[in-house]
Protein backbone atom coordinates (compact mmCIF):
# COMPACT_ATOMS: atom_id res chain seq x y z
CA MET A 1 134.36 88.43 75.56
CA LYS A 2 132.55 91.17 75.51
CA THR A 3 128.50 90.92 74.26
CA PRO A 4 128.20 93.61 71.52
CA LYS A 5 125.46 96.17 71.90
CA ARG A 6 122.06 95.85 71.12
CA GLU A 7 120.71 99.21 69.90
CA PRO A 8 116.77 99.57 70.90
CA PRO A 9 114.64 98.40 67.88
CA GLU A 10 113.97 101.07 65.39
CA GLN A 11 110.10 101.94 66.51
CA PHE A 12 111.13 102.18 70.36
CA LEU A 13 113.67 104.87 69.23
CA ARG A 14 110.91 106.23 66.97
CA GLY A 15 108.75 107.13 69.80
CA LEU A 16 111.35 108.34 72.62
CA LYS A 17 112.49 111.10 69.29
CA HIS A 18 108.81 111.92 70.21
CA GLY A 19 108.50 111.39 73.95
CA TYR A 20 106.77 108.74 73.92
CA ARG A 21 108.86 105.35 74.75
CA SER A 22 106.91 102.99 72.25
CA GLY A 23 104.73 102.75 68.44
CA LEU A 24 101.39 101.91 69.81
CA GLU A 25 101.88 104.83 72.43
CA ILE A 26 103.10 107.52 69.36
CA GLN A 27 99.55 105.67 67.32
CA VAL A 28 97.32 106.57 70.51
CA ALA A 29 98.43 110.18 70.69
CA LYS A 30 97.87 110.60 66.78
CA GLN A 31 94.75 109.28 67.34
CA LEU A 32 93.48 111.62 70.65
CA GLU A 33 95.15 114.84 68.40
CA GLN A 34 93.43 113.53 65.51
CA ALA A 35 89.71 113.51 67.12
CA GLY A 36 90.69 116.93 68.71
CA ILE A 37 91.86 115.36 72.25
CA ASP A 38 94.62 116.99 73.95
CA VAL A 39 97.74 114.14 74.26
CA ASP A 40 97.85 114.05 77.74
CA TYR A 41 100.59 111.39 78.20
CA GLU A 42 102.36 110.70 81.18
CA ASN A 43 101.23 113.20 83.34
CA LEU A 44 99.23 111.62 85.99
CA ARG A 45 101.03 109.93 89.38
CA ILE A 46 99.31 107.20 91.36
CA GLN A 47 101.01 106.03 94.08
CA PHE A 48 99.53 102.46 95.37
CA VAL A 49 101.40 100.02 98.28
CA GLN A 50 103.13 97.19 96.23
CA PRO A 51 103.49 95.03 100.34
CA SER A 52 106.53 96.83 101.79
CA LYS A 53 106.84 99.67 99.04
CA ILE A 54 105.47 102.36 98.32
CA ARG A 55 105.78 102.94 94.39
CA THR A 56 104.16 105.06 92.12
CA TYR A 57 102.47 104.06 88.34
CA THR A 58 102.55 106.60 85.75
CA PRO A 59 99.81 106.08 83.25
CA ASP A 60 100.09 106.55 79.78
CA PHE A 61 96.95 108.94 78.84
CA VAL A 62 94.55 110.05 80.70
CA LEU A 63 90.88 111.23 78.35
CA PRO A 64 89.43 114.32 79.49
CA ASN A 65 86.67 112.07 80.95
CA GLY A 66 89.30 110.64 83.45
CA ILE A 67 89.50 107.38 82.17
CA ILE A 68 92.91 106.43 82.34
CA ILE A 69 94.44 104.49 79.30
CA GLU A 70 97.70 102.31 79.66
CA THR A 71 99.13 100.67 76.03
CA LYS A 72 100.58 97.51 76.39
CA GLY A 73 102.41 95.72 73.40
CA ARG A 74 104.17 93.47 76.25
CA PHE A 75 102.18 92.42 79.29
CA THR A 76 104.91 91.44 82.41
CA SER A 77 103.61 90.38 85.24
CA ALA A 78 105.16 93.14 87.25
CA ASP A 79 102.50 94.70 84.67
CA ARG A 80 100.08 92.68 85.73
CA GLN A 81 100.61 92.36 89.37
CA LYS A 82 101.20 96.37 89.57
CA HIS A 83 97.57 96.85 87.88
CA LEU A 84 96.02 94.50 90.12
CA PHE A 85 97.67 96.60 93.48
CA VAL A 86 96.03 99.91 92.20
CA GLN A 87 92.69 98.57 90.96
CA GLN A 88 93.08 97.22 94.08
CA GLN A 89 93.89 100.63 96.18
CA TYR A 90 91.40 102.40 93.77
CA PRO A 91 88.71 101.01 92.39
CA GLU A 92 86.96 103.99 91.77
CA LEU A 93 89.60 104.56 89.22
CA ASP A 94 88.59 103.55 85.04
CA ILE A 95 92.06 101.95 84.11
CA ARG A 96 91.85 100.39 80.66
CA PHE A 97 94.75 98.75 78.02
CA VAL A 98 94.94 99.51 74.88
CA PHE A 99 97.21 96.01 73.69
CA ALA A 100 99.37 96.08 70.56
CA ASN A 101 97.51 92.35 70.70
CA PRO A 102 94.85 91.64 72.80
CA ASN A 103 95.60 87.82 71.45
CA GLN A 104 99.19 87.26 72.91
CA ARG A 105 99.37 84.52 75.75
CA LEU A 106 100.67 85.66 78.67
CA ASN A 107 103.81 84.14 78.46
CA LYS A 108 104.48 80.73 76.10
CA THR A 109 102.83 77.99 78.54
CA SER A 110 99.45 80.11 79.49
CA LYS A 111 96.59 79.59 77.72
CA THR A 112 95.49 83.38 79.33
CA THR A 113 95.62 85.84 76.95
CA TYR A 114 95.78 89.51 77.62
CA ALA A 115 92.64 89.94 76.67
CA LYS A 116 91.16 86.66 78.48
CA TRP A 117 93.33 88.15 81.82
CA CYS A 118 91.58 91.82 81.62
CA GLU A 119 88.74 90.19 81.46
CA LYS A 120 89.09 87.38 84.36
CA ASN A 121 89.53 91.38 86.59
CA GLY A 122 87.28 93.37 85.66
CA PHE A 123 89.57 95.50 83.19
CA LYS A 124 88.07 97.08 79.80
CA TYR A 125 90.87 96.88 76.72
CA ALA A 126 91.02 96.90 73.01
CA ALA A 127 93.03 96.03 70.16
CA LYS A 128 95.77 99.15 69.00
CA LEU A 129 93.67 101.95 69.03
CA ILE A 130 90.77 103.53 71.58
CA PRO A 131 87.27 102.66 70.73
CA GLU A 132 86.11 106.00 69.75
CA SER A 133 83.22 105.07 72.08
CA TRP A 134 85.56 105.48 75.12
CA LEU A 135 86.31 109.24 74.17
CA LYS A 136 82.66 110.05 73.88
CA GLU A 137 81.90 108.97 77.17
CA PRO A 138 81.02 111.34 80.32
CA LYS A 139 83.36 112.94 82.37
CA LYS A 140 84.69 111.11 85.40
CA GLU A 141 86.34 112.33 88.40
CA LEU A 142 89.68 111.15 89.65
CA PRO A 143 90.47 111.58 93.34
CA PHE A 144 93.03 113.94 93.68
CA ASN A 145 92.99 114.00 97.69
CA LYS A 146 94.01 110.38 97.62
CA GLY A 147 97.22 109.81 96.57
CA VAL A 148 96.62 110.65 93.10
CA TYR A 149 98.59 113.98 91.64
CA ARG A 150 99.37 115.50 88.97
CA ARG A 151 102.76 115.68 87.54
CA ASP A 152 103.45 119.01 86.59
CA ASN A 153 102.17 120.46 89.74
CA ASN A 154 103.67 118.16 91.88
CA ASP A 155 106.92 116.86 90.66
């Protein structure tokens, strides 16, 4: 007997319709637009080496000041591992997380929340929206000569 195909959740379909992968990404994009900031969505590529593999990480948003924003509903083990590799190989990048719920535990049996994982590993994070203070921080240059490149220039 064949299992019936499950339809993606409504918020995922809504996100795809607008060019985003989730409702949280739509919410953050709207916040940026309302703040008068051009939305720079999934336009930056960062190469990193995972043992035995060269991979590419595409951040969700890059603010005009160089802060990289990653929005997360679920923060899987693979996501956490990837961000530790990127952080190790590009310590000069300022990658920050906007979680749907930073108090979510890493898994059912873990006492560690997404927020605690960020604090332990030196990442800044916020809940649901980008804090205004992040939008007003001074500009930081991205290391375009070191494996970081714009998707629209080098795809």
